[in-house]
């Protein structure tokens, strides 16, 4: 079995949750993969490139079922990968686990800063703190133009899906996950007393993942 973990926006394969789950889940029977989704690089990121990076990762893997875990924007990527590649690489994915998935990336940006989009569009780029590099780095507006072509609520993904979302999430409104779960019967949603990072709930999430991979 393979587990692929998709990190969030302005993060990297070295994220705390990625490394925590890797340390707990990797074994002789489970290969744990954390692709770098800062493609083509962080400054020129697009969702389309991130989705293709997941497909390319799967193409390199030996046979075996896949559990796909996505955190925040990684959750958005996981969902749209399974939608876009449903008849191709995504056929190997038998379980989706989404952690505070950024199902509406544009709404999240507007929620955090109502003036951000206007400034970003006018300047052509906007600085964000990149946790992997521990500094602010500019991202081109092409990311927004690309993300705007995707709609999470009209995806046709029927893979069993677990969603964990903090009710105190100030980055991604929990209502996004609630809305998605209500219209997709294959989704099981757990709303936790936590924030966007979910770092205080990793043991609970780990137990859910272990239940999935052992059934």
Protein backbone atom coordinates (compact mmCIF):
# COMPACT_ATOMS: atom_id res chain seq x y z
CA UNK A 1 0.00 0.00 0.00
CA UNK A 2 1.02 3.59 -0.65
CA UNK A 3 0.04 6.68 1.30
CA UNK A 4 0.54 10.01 -0.46
CA UNK A 5 0.39 13.16 1.66
CA UNK A 6 -0.28 16.48 -0.08
CA UNK A 7 0.85 19.52 1.88
CA UNK A 8 -0.87 22.89 1.90
CA UNK A 9 -0.21 26.33 0.43
CA UNK A 10 3.10 27.94 1.47
CA UNK A 11 4.19 24.65 3.03
CA UNK A 12 6.44 21.77 1.99
CA UNK A 13 7.10 18.05 2.47
CA UNK A 14 8.70 18.99 5.81
CA UNK A 15 5.40 20.17 7.32
CA UNK A 16 4.74 19.04 10.89
CA UNK A 17 1.64 17.01 10.03
CA UNK A 18 3.27 15.37 7.02
CA UNK A 19 6.26 14.26 9.04
CA UNK A 20 4.10 13.18 12.00
CA UNK A 21 1.92 10.91 9.88
CA UNK A 22 4.94 9.56 8.03
CA UNK A 23 6.62 8.62 11.32
CA UNK A 24 3.48 6.84 12.54
CA UNK A 25 2.29 5.13 9.36
CA UNK A 26 5.30 4.15 7.29
CA UNK A 27 6.18 0.46 7.64
CA UNK A 28 7.33 -2.55 5.67
CA UNK A 29 3.80 -2.81 4.26
CA UNK A 30 3.16 0.91 3.71
CA UNK A 31 5.25 3.30 1.64
CA UNK A 32 4.67 6.95 2.59
CA UNK A 33 5.22 9.63 -0.05
CA UNK A 34 5.23 13.43 0.33
CA UNK A 35 5.64 15.10 -3.08
CA UNK A 36 6.69 18.74 -3.26
CA UNK A 37 3.67 20.65 -4.60
CA UNK A 38 5.48 23.97 -5.04
CA UNK A 39 5.31 23.60 -8.81
CA UNK A 40 6.64 24.82 -11.00
CA UNK A 41 7.99 26.82 -8.10
CA UNK A 42 6.21 28.66 -5.28
CA UNK A 43 6.23 31.95 -7.15
CA UNK A 44 4.60 30.42 -10.23
CA UNK A 45 2.31 27.95 -8.51
CA UNK A 46 -0.87 26.71 -10.19
CA UNK A 47 -3.46 24.19 -9.06
CA UNK A 48 -3.26 22.50 -12.45
CA UNK A 49 0.48 21.92 -11.99
CA UNK A 50 -0.10 20.58 -8.48
CA UNK A 51 -2.69 18.11 -9.78
CA UNK A 52 -0.30 16.95 -12.50
CA UNK A 53 2.45 16.52 -9.89
CA UNK A 54 0.21 14.05 -8.05
CA UNK A 55 -0.44 12.13 -11.26
CA UNK A 56 3.29 12.05 -12.01
CA UNK A 57 4.05 10.79 -8.51
CA UNK A 58 1.60 7.91 -8.93
CA UNK A 59 3.07 7.00 -12.31
CA UNK A 60 6.40 6.31 -10.60
CA UNK A 61 5.00 4.04 -7.89
CA UNK A 62 5.02 0.26 -7.97
CA UNK A 63 1.72 -1.61 -7.81
CA UNK A 64 -0.47 -1.18 -4.74
CA UNK A 65 -3.56 0.62 -3.53
CA UNK A 66 -3.26 4.29 -2.63
CA UNK A 67 -4.62 6.33 0.25
CA UNK A 68 -4.48 10.03 -0.61
CA UNK A 69 -4.26 12.54 2.25
CA UNK A 70 -4.57 16.25 1.50
CA UNK A 71 -4.17 19.16 3.91
CA UNK A 72 -5.75 22.55 3.16
CA UNK A 73 -4.80 23.37 -0.45
CA UNK A 74 -3.43 19.85 -0.63
CA UNK A 75 -6.99 18.72 0.06
CA UNK A 76 -8.23 20.84 -2.83
CA UNK A 77 -5.54 19.26 -5.00
CA UNK A 78 -6.45 15.73 -3.91
CA UNK A 79 -10.12 16.22 -4.71
CA UNK A 80 -9.57 17.68 -8.15
CA UNK A 81 -6.89 15.12 -8.98
CA UNK A 82 -9.41 12.35 -8.29
CA UNK A 83 -11.97 14.16 -10.43
CA UNK A 84 -9.70 14.97 -13.38
CA UNK A 85 -7.83 11.65 -13.44
CA UNK A 86 -10.78 9.41 -12.52
CA UNK A 87 -10.24 7.08 -15.46
CA UNK A 88 -6.46 7.17 -15.23
CA UNK A 89 -4.06 7.37 -12.25
CA UNK A 90 -6.82 8.06 -9.72
CA UNK A 91 -8.22 4.58 -10.27
CA UNK A 92 -5.58 3.36 -7.82
CA UNK A 93 -6.87 5.61 -5.03
CA UNK A 94 -9.27 3.76 -2.74
CA UNK A 95 -9.55 6.33 0.06
CA UNK A 96 -9.42 10.10 0.36
CA UNK A 97 -8.64 11.83 3.66
CA UNK A 98 -8.99 15.61 3.61
CA UNK A 99 -7.73 17.80 6.45
CA UNK A 100 -9.36 21.26 6.55
CA UNK A 101 -9.60 21.17 2.74
CA UNK A 102 -9.52 24.56 1.03
CA UNK A 103 -12.45 23.70 -1.21
CA UNK A 104 -13.01 27.35 -2.14
CA UNK A 105 -9.55 28.89 -2.35
CA UNK A 106 -10.82 32.26 -3.61
CA UNK A 107 -13.33 32.63 -0.76
CA UNK A 108 -10.58 31.85 1.74
CA UNK A 109 -8.37 34.64 0.41
CA UNK A 110 -11.25 37.13 0.47
CA UNK A 111 -12.18 36.08 3.99
CA UNK A 112 -8.69 36.75 5.29
CA UNK A 113 -8.26 40.06 3.46
CA UNK A 114 -11.10 41.58 1.40
CA UNK A 115 -8.67 43.89 -0.45
CA UNK A 116 -6.17 41.17 -1.28
CA UNK A 117 -7.60 40.13 -4.63
CA UNK A 118 -7.71 43.65 -6.02
CA UNK A 119 -4.13 44.36 -4.97
CA UNK A 120 -2.94 40.97 -6.20
CA UNK A 121 -4.55 41.46 -9.60
CA UNK A 122 -3.27 45.02 -10.02
CA UNK A 123 0.30 44.16 -9.00
CA UNK A 124 0.39 40.81 -10.76
CA UNK A 125 1.88 39.17 -7.67
CA UNK A 126 1.41 39.18 -3.90
CA UNK A 127 3.70 38.27 -0.97
CA UNK A 128 2.83 35.37 1.33
CA UNK A 129 4.80 33.99 4.23
CA UNK A 130 6.33 30.72 3.11
CA UNK A 131 6.83 28.44 6.11
CA UNK A 132 9.30 26.21 4.30
CA UNK A 133 11.63 29.15 3.60
CA UNK A 134 10.68 31.14 6.72
CA UNK A 135 10.21 34.35 4.78
CA UNK A 136 7.73 36.22 2.57
CA UNK A 137 7.72 35.20 -1.09
CA UNK A 138 5.65 36.57 -3.96
CA UNK A 139 3.14 34.43 -5.85
CA UNK A 140 1.91 35.38 -9.32
CA UNK A 141 -1.75 36.21 -10.00
CA UNK A 142 -1.87 33.34 -12.47
CA UNK A 143 -2.59 31.11 -9.48
CA UNK A 144 -5.93 32.86 -9.00
CA UNK A 145 -6.78 32.74 -12.71
CA UNK A 146 -6.08 29.01 -12.70
CA UNK A 147 -7.92 28.18 -9.45
CA UNK A 148 -10.97 30.08 -10.70
CA UNK A 149 -11.49 27.42 -13.40
CA UNK A 150 -12.15 24.73 -10.75
CA UNK A 151 -15.37 24.16 -8.78
CA UNK A 152 -15.09 21.71 -5.89
CA UNK A 153 -18.84 21.37 -5.43
CA UNK A 154 -19.47 20.00 -8.93
CA UNK A 155 -16.73 17.37 -8.87
CA UNK A 156 -17.78 13.79 -9.54
CA UNK A 157 -15.67 11.86 -7.04
CA UNK A 158 -17.19 8.76 -5.46
CA UNK A 159 -14.13 7.48 -3.59
CA UNK A 160 -14.84 6.96 0.14
CA UNK A 161 -13.77 10.22 1.77
CA UNK A 162 -13.01 11.22 5.36
CA UNK A 163 -12.89 14.93 6.16
CA UNK A 164 -11.53 16.40 9.37
CA UNK A 165 -12.16 20.11 9.86
CA UNK A 166 -11.77 22.38 12.88
CA UNK A 167 -14.83 24.38 13.87
CA UNK A 168 -12.53 27.27 14.88
CA UNK A 169 -10.72 27.37 11.55
CA UNK A 170 -10.05 31.02 10.64
CA UNK A 171 -8.34 30.22 7.35
CA UNK A 172 -10.85 27.85 5.73
CA UNK A 173 -14.48 28.16 6.81
CA UNK A 174 -15.74 24.81 8.11
CA UNK A 175 -18.98 25.49 6.22
CA UNK A 176 -17.11 24.58 3.03
CA UNK A 177 -16.65 21.02 4.25
CA UNK A 178 -20.18 20.87 5.64
CA UNK A 179 -21.61 21.97 2.28
CA UNK A 180 -19.53 19.42 0.39
CA UNK A 181 -20.37 16.56 2.75
CA UNK A 182 -24.11 17.27 2.58
CA UNK A 183 -24.17 16.80 -1.19
CA UNK A 184 -21.85 13.78 -1.40
CA UNK A 185 -23.06 10.61 0.31
CA UNK A 186 -19.66 8.93 0.16
CA UNK A 187 -18.22 11.57 2.55
CA UNK A 188 -17.87 11.21 6.32
CA UNK A 189 -17.24 14.56 8.02
CA UNK A 190 -15.73 15.01 11.48
CA UNK A 191 -15.96 18.58 12.80
CA UNK A 192 -13.39 18.91 15.56
CA UNK A 193 -12.87 21.45 18.33
CA UNK A 194 -9.70 22.76 16.74
CA UNK A 195 -8.24 25.36 14.37
CA UNK A 196 -6.93 25.17 10.81
CA UNK A 197 -3.71 23.37 11.68
CA UNK A 198 -5.44 20.53 13.57
CA UNK A 199 -2.14 19.89 15.36
CA UNK A 200 -3.91 19.18 18.66
CA UNK A 201 -6.03 16.49 16.94
CA UNK A 202 -3.36 14.53 15.10
CA UNK A 203 -3.75 11.47 17.35
CA UNK A 204 -7.50 11.38 16.69
CA UNK A 205 -6.95 11.79 12.94
CA UNK A 206 -4.24 9.12 13.01
CA UNK A 207 -6.69 6.67 14.60
CA UNK A 208 -9.16 7.38 11.78
CA UNK A 209 -6.50 6.81 9.13
CA UNK A 210 -5.41 3.55 10.77
CA UNK A 211 -9.00 2.32 10.81
CA UNK A 212 -9.28 3.03 7.09
CA UNK A 213 -6.05 1.33 6.06
CA UNK A 214 -6.63 -1.80 8.14
CA UNK A 215 -10.19 -2.46 6.91
